[in-house]
Protein backbone atom coordinates (compact mmCIF):
# COMPACT_ATOMS: atom_id res chain seq x y z
CA UNK A 1 170.02 195.72 136.07
CA UNK A 2 170.00 192.66 133.83
CA UNK A 3 168.21 191.28 130.76
CA UNK A 4 165.87 189.44 133.13
CA UNK A 5 164.77 192.79 134.59
CA UNK A 6 163.74 194.06 131.15
CA UNK A 7 161.81 190.84 130.55
CA UNK A 8 160.22 191.11 134.00
CA UNK A 9 159.16 194.69 133.29
CA UNK A 10 157.61 193.63 130.00
CA UNK A 11 155.46 191.03 131.77
CA UNK A 12 154.53 193.08 134.83
CA UNK A 13 153.87 196.34 132.97
CA UNK A 14 151.84 194.53 130.33
CA UNK A 15 149.59 193.09 133.01
CA UNK A 16 149.36 196.38 134.90
CA UNK A 17 148.56 198.64 131.94
CA UNK A 18 146.73 196.27 129.57
CA UNK A 19 143.52 197.93 128.40
CA UNK A 20 144.42 201.24 130.03
CA UNK A 21 145.17 202.98 126.69
CA UNK A 22 148.18 204.68 128.21
CA UNK A 23 151.12 203.82 125.94
CA UNK A 24 151.05 204.75 122.25
CA UNK A 25 154.64 204.40 121.00
CA UNK A 26 155.73 205.14 117.47
CA UNK A 27 156.50 202.13 115.35
CA UNK A 28 159.99 201.71 113.92
CA UNK A 29 160.62 204.15 111.09
CA UNK A 30 161.48 207.76 110.20
CA UNK A 31 159.87 210.96 111.39
CA UNK A 32 161.75 212.91 108.72
CA UNK A 33 165.12 212.91 106.98
CA UNK A 34 166.98 213.50 110.26
CA UNK A 35 165.08 211.54 112.91
CA UNK A 36 164.51 207.80 112.97
CA UNK A 37 163.19 205.64 115.78
CA UNK A 38 163.07 202.04 116.92
CA UNK A 39 160.11 200.69 118.83
CA UNK A 40 160.88 198.45 121.79
CA UNK A 41 157.54 197.31 123.18
CA UNK A 42 156.05 200.56 124.62
CA UNK A 43 159.24 202.63 124.35
CA UNK A 44 161.00 204.46 121.53
CA UNK A 45 164.67 205.15 121.07
CA UNK A 46 165.75 207.74 118.53
CA UNK A 47 168.55 208.41 116.06
CA UNK A 48 169.47 211.86 114.77
CA UNK A 49 171.59 212.07 111.62
CA UNK A 50 173.28 215.10 110.11
CA UNK A 51 176.20 215.34 107.70
CA UNK A 52 177.22 211.73 108.13
CA UNK A 53 177.06 211.61 111.93
CA UNK A 54 174.32 209.68 113.75
CA UNK A 55 173.74 210.14 117.46
CA UNK A 56 171.39 208.01 119.53
CA UNK A 57 168.92 209.38 122.07
CA UNK A 58 168.27 206.87 124.87
CA UNK A 59 169.20 203.20 124.72
CA UNK A 60 165.92 201.42 125.32
CA UNK A 61 165.35 198.16 127.08
CA UNK A 62 167.87 195.33 127.31
CA UNK A 63 166.08 194.24 124.15
CA UNK A 64 166.90 191.25 121.96
CA UNK A 65 165.59 192.72 118.67
CA UNK A 66 167.41 196.06 118.72
CA UNK A 67 170.06 195.20 116.11
CA UNK A 68 167.40 193.66 113.87
CA UNK A 69 165.22 196.75 113.94
CA UNK A 70 168.17 199.11 113.48
CA UNK A 71 168.85 197.10 110.33
CA UNK A 72 165.38 198.03 109.06
CA UNK A 73 166.61 201.65 109.21
CA UNK A 74 170.03 200.83 107.73
CA UNK A 75 171.76 202.01 110.89
CA UNK A 76 174.87 200.09 111.92
CA UNK A 77 175.34 199.83 115.71
CA UNK A 78 179.11 200.06 115.19
CA UNK A 79 178.62 203.54 113.72
CA UNK A 80 177.05 204.88 116.92
CA UNK A 81 179.71 206.73 118.89
CA UNK A 82 177.53 209.12 120.91
CA UNK A 83 174.44 208.34 123.03
CA UNK A 84 172.38 210.95 124.90
CA UNK A 85 170.53 209.60 127.94
CA UNK A 86 167.49 211.46 129.27
CA UNK A 87 167.36 209.30 132.42
CA UNK A 88 168.51 205.92 133.69
CA UNK A 89 165.30 203.86 133.82
CA UNK A 90 165.26 200.30 132.49
CA UNK A 91 163.57 201.27 129.23
CA UNK A 92 166.08 204.05 128.48
CA UNK A 93 169.51 202.53 129.22
CA UNK A 94 169.07 198.78 128.76
CA UNK A 95 171.31 198.42 125.69
CA UNK A 96 174.20 199.80 127.75
CA UNK A 97 173.92 197.39 130.66
CA UNK A 98 176.89 195.14 131.31
CA UNK A 99 174.93 191.99 130.48
CA UNK A 100 173.48 193.38 127.23
CA UNK A 101 174.76 192.44 123.78
CA UNK A 102 177.15 195.41 124.06
CA UNK A 103 176.24 196.77 120.65
CA UNK A 104 177.48 200.21 121.72
CA UNK A 105 180.49 199.35 123.88
CA UNK A 106 182.63 201.95 122.09
CA UNK A 107 180.09 204.77 122.39
CA UNK A 108 180.41 207.72 124.73
CA UNK A 109 177.38 208.19 126.95
CA UNK A 110 176.16 211.70 127.81
CA UNK A 111 174.08 211.95 130.99
CA UNK A 112 173.19 214.64 133.50
CA UNK A 113 175.52 214.93 136.47
CA UNK A 114 172.56 214.59 138.87
CA UNK A 115 171.15 211.57 137.05
CA UNK A 116 174.57 209.92 137.19
CA UNK A 117 174.14 209.54 140.96
CA UNK A 118 171.78 206.66 140.27
CA UNK A 119 174.55 204.94 138.31
CA UNK A 120 177.11 205.42 141.08
CA UNK A 121 174.71 204.17 143.76
CA UNK A 122 174.48 207.50 145.56
CA UNK A 123 170.74 207.46 144.80
CA UNK A 124 168.31 204.59 144.26
CA UNK A 125 165.47 204.90 141.80
CA UNK A 126 162.02 204.64 143.39
CA UNK A 127 158.60 204.23 141.78
CA UNK A 128 155.03 203.57 142.95
CA UNK A 129 155.13 206.62 145.22
CA UNK A 130 158.45 205.56 146.73
CA UNK A 131 157.29 202.08 147.70
CA UNK A 132 159.45 200.14 145.22
CA UNK A 133 163.18 200.48 144.52
CA UNK A 134 164.40 199.50 141.07
CA UNK A 135 167.60 197.46 140.65
CA UNK A 136 170.78 199.46 140.12
CA UNK A 137 171.95 199.95 136.53
CA UNK A 138 175.55 199.03 135.72
CA UNK A 139 177.41 200.10 132.58
CA UNK A 140 181.03 200.45 131.53
CA UNK A 141 180.87 203.07 128.78
CA UNK A 142 182.85 206.28 128.96
CA UNK A 143 180.58 208.99 130.35
CA UNK A 144 180.37 212.74 129.89
CA UNK A 145 178.42 214.47 132.65
CA UNK A 146 176.15 217.34 131.66
CA UNK A 147 174.77 220.38 133.45
CA UNK A 148 171.51 222.28 133.07
CA UNK A 149 171.75 224.83 130.27
CA UNK A 150 174.95 223.37 128.84
CA UNK A 151 175.38 223.60 125.07
CA UNK A 152 177.85 221.44 123.19
CA UNK A 153 178.42 220.11 119.67
CA UNK A 154 179.00 216.67 118.19
CA UNK A 155 180.35 217.47 114.76
CA UNK A 156 178.07 220.27 113.64
CA UNK A 157 175.09 218.95 115.62
CA UNK A 158 174.14 221.44 118.34
CA UNK A 159 172.83 219.97 121.60
CA UNK A 160 171.30 221.98 124.43
CA UNK A 161 170.67 220.30 127.79
CA UNK A 162 167.64 221.27 129.86
CA UNK A 163 167.16 219.80 133.33
CA UNK A 164 163.55 218.73 133.99
CA UNK A 165 163.52 216.86 137.33
CA UNK A 166 160.53 215.04 138.76
CA UNK A 167 160.19 211.74 136.94
CA UNK A 168 163.76 211.18 138.13
CA UNK A 169 165.91 213.60 140.11
CA UNK A 170 168.18 214.39 137.19
CA UNK A 171 165.99 213.92 134.12
CA UNK A 172 167.39 215.84 131.14
CA UNK A 173 165.74 216.76 127.86
CA UNK A 174 167.72 217.63 124.74
CA UNK A 175 167.06 220.37 122.22
CA UNK A 176 168.95 219.47 119.06
CA UNK A 177 169.77 222.08 116.39
CA UNK A 178 167.13 224.35 117.97
CA UNK A 179 164.42 222.29 116.23
CA UNK A 180 164.02 218.86 117.83
CA UNK A 181 163.19 218.42 121.52
CA UNK A 182 163.62 214.88 122.85
CA UNK A 183 161.62 214.76 126.08
CA UNK A 184 162.12 211.22 127.40
CA UNK A 185 159.57 210.72 130.19
CA UNK A 186 158.74 214.34 130.86
CA UNK A 187 155.53 214.63 128.80
CA UNK A 188 152.76 212.12 128.14
CA UNK A 189 150.40 212.78 125.21
CA UNK A 190 146.75 211.90 125.67
CA UNK A 191 144.07 212.34 123.04
CA UNK A 192 143.51 215.92 124.22
CA UNK A 193 147.11 217.02 124.69
CA UNK A 194 150.15 216.74 126.90
CA UNK A 195 150.23 215.95 130.62
CA UNK A 196 152.96 215.56 133.18
CA UNK A 197 154.22 211.99 132.82
CA UNK A 198 152.70 208.95 134.56
CA UNK A 199 152.17 209.68 138.26
CA UNK A 200 153.02 206.23 139.63
CA UNK A 201 156.49 206.29 138.05
CA UNK A 202 157.73 209.66 139.31
CA UNK A 203 160.11 210.45 142.13
CA UNK A 204 158.23 213.69 142.87
CA UNK A 205 155.02 214.58 141.01
CA UNK A 206 154.82 218.15 142.28
CA UNK A 207 158.34 218.75 141.05
CA UNK A 208 157.43 217.19 137.69
CA UNK A 209 154.64 219.71 137.23
CA UNK A 210 156.84 222.66 138.22
CA UNK A 211 159.58 221.48 135.87
CA UNK A 212 157.15 221.12 132.98
CA UNK A 213 155.89 224.67 133.55
CA UNK A 214 159.46 225.95 133.49
CA UNK A 215 160.19 224.01 130.31
CA UNK A 216 157.14 225.43 128.56
CA UNK A 217 158.09 228.98 129.54
CA UNK A 218 161.61 228.45 128.23
CA UNK A 219 160.46 227.01 124.91
CA UNK A 220 157.96 229.78 124.30
CA UNK A 221 160.71 232.38 124.60
CA UNK A 222 162.45 230.72 121.63
CA UNK A 223 159.57 231.58 119.29
CA UNK A 224 160.52 228.71 116.97
CA UNK A 225 158.67 225.79 115.42
CA UNK A 226 159.76 222.71 117.37
CA UNK A 227 159.22 219.00 116.94
CA UNK A 228 158.49 217.71 120.45
CA UNK A 229 159.31 214.00 120.56
CA UNK A 230 158.31 211.82 123.53
CA UNK A 231 159.62 208.48 124.70
CA UNK A 232 156.28 206.65 124.75
CA UNK A 233 153.52 208.61 122.98
CA UNK A 234 154.71 210.00 119.67
CA UNK A 235 155.53 213.54 118.57
CA UNK A 236 153.93 216.88 117.72
CA UNK A 237 154.93 220.29 116.42
CA UNK A 238 152.01 221.98 118.19
CA UNK A 239 153.31 223.63 121.36
CA UNK A 240 149.81 224.33 122.66
CA UNK A 241 148.88 220.66 122.32
CA UNK A 242 152.12 219.51 123.95
CA UNK A 243 151.51 221.57 127.09
CA UNK A 244 147.71 221.59 127.11
CA UNK A 245 147.48 219.95 130.56
CA UNK A 246 150.95 220.54 131.96
CA UNK A 247 149.60 221.16 135.47
CA UNK A 248 147.87 217.76 135.51
CA UNK A 249 149.38 214.31 136.01
CA UNK A 250 148.75 211.35 133.78
CA UNK A 251 147.01 208.97 136.18
CA UNK A 252 146.97 205.59 134.43
CA UNK A 253 143.96 204.18 136.25
CA UNK A 254 141.67 207.12 135.48
CA UNK A 255 140.07 206.72 132.06
CA UNK A 256 139.79 210.47 131.64
CA UNK A 257 143.50 210.53 130.83
CA UNK A 258 143.63 207.76 128.24
CA UNK A 259 143.98 207.80 124.46
CA UNK A 260 141.28 205.67 122.78
CA UNK A 261 143.56 205.09 119.78
CA UNK A 262 146.33 203.55 121.93
CA UNK A 263 146.78 199.78 121.61
CA UNK A 264 145.09 197.49 124.11
CA UNK A 265 148.48 196.03 125.02
CA UNK A 266 151.42 198.13 123.89
CA UNK A 267 153.81 195.28 124.58
CA UNK A 268 152.48 193.38 121.55
CA UNK A 269 154.48 194.50 118.51
CA UNK A 270 152.73 192.68 115.65
CA UNK A 271 152.13 195.92 113.74
CA UNK A 272 155.80 196.96 113.87
CA UNK A 273 157.21 195.65 110.58
CA UNK A 274 160.21 196.17 108.34
CA UNK A 275 157.91 196.99 105.43
CA UNK A 276 156.34 199.94 107.23
CA UNK A 277 159.68 201.01 108.72
CA UNK A 278 161.14 201.38 105.23
CA UNK A 279 158.20 202.95 103.45
CA UNK A 280 155.90 204.88 105.83
CA UNK A 281 156.82 208.16 107.53
CA UNK A 282 155.73 208.39 111.15
CA UNK A 283 153.05 211.04 111.46
CA UNK A 284 152.60 213.40 114.36
CA UNK A 285 149.93 213.07 117.02
CA UNK A 286 146.58 214.26 115.75
CA UNK A 287 145.38 217.38 117.54
CA UNK A 288 141.76 217.53 116.36
């Protein structure tokens, strides 16, 4: 997949979802002292820092402004040595593609062993109910393949891998230090709570719903306060809100599922500024 594919997705998705009130990404900035994010059109990538080590969660689009916006957060791309990938879609791995600026060419990429089959060509990613095949992603980074339930450490950062298939066959979410859950494209937050992610972009919607139910059950056994952080619609620490509609799909052309506070066109970034990135903490999704 090339830079032109990211640019094509920006144009086509903007036209398709304009006025639908579906995407409500966080702007570039900090959630708290450990988690920062960069906004790339309708997608967020995240950085988790602890005791001098910063890991990156997802790699966004093949996006020309990434280094600029990382600079707003005082994060040096050369310092990133570890990148967790939830899944291999264009808006989550673009900065690793062979024709990207190669800001992270020395980083190790962590990805689920099932999801890696897309990268090897064993599987092809399909959207629009299987009618459209996305171009194959190519990257040259060293990879570490992960399994469901695996726990490992980067420095003293604890990372737990939870397989949540449906959006893609090998979609993984990451629970970091038992407090921060990075969900990628597993959950979509509407104004009235979380749904299974956008129906038209899933490999298997029924599997998505079953996986989300399993994830909720697992998290509730932990009995801990979690920050649940999504790839396109912000974050919450309210578990009931996050899973309020887990048996339902976000259907982007049904207004019932929209968020009235979402931008008309999420691909316009005029409100994402260095000033706000440096001085305004990114609040959680309102649950009232």
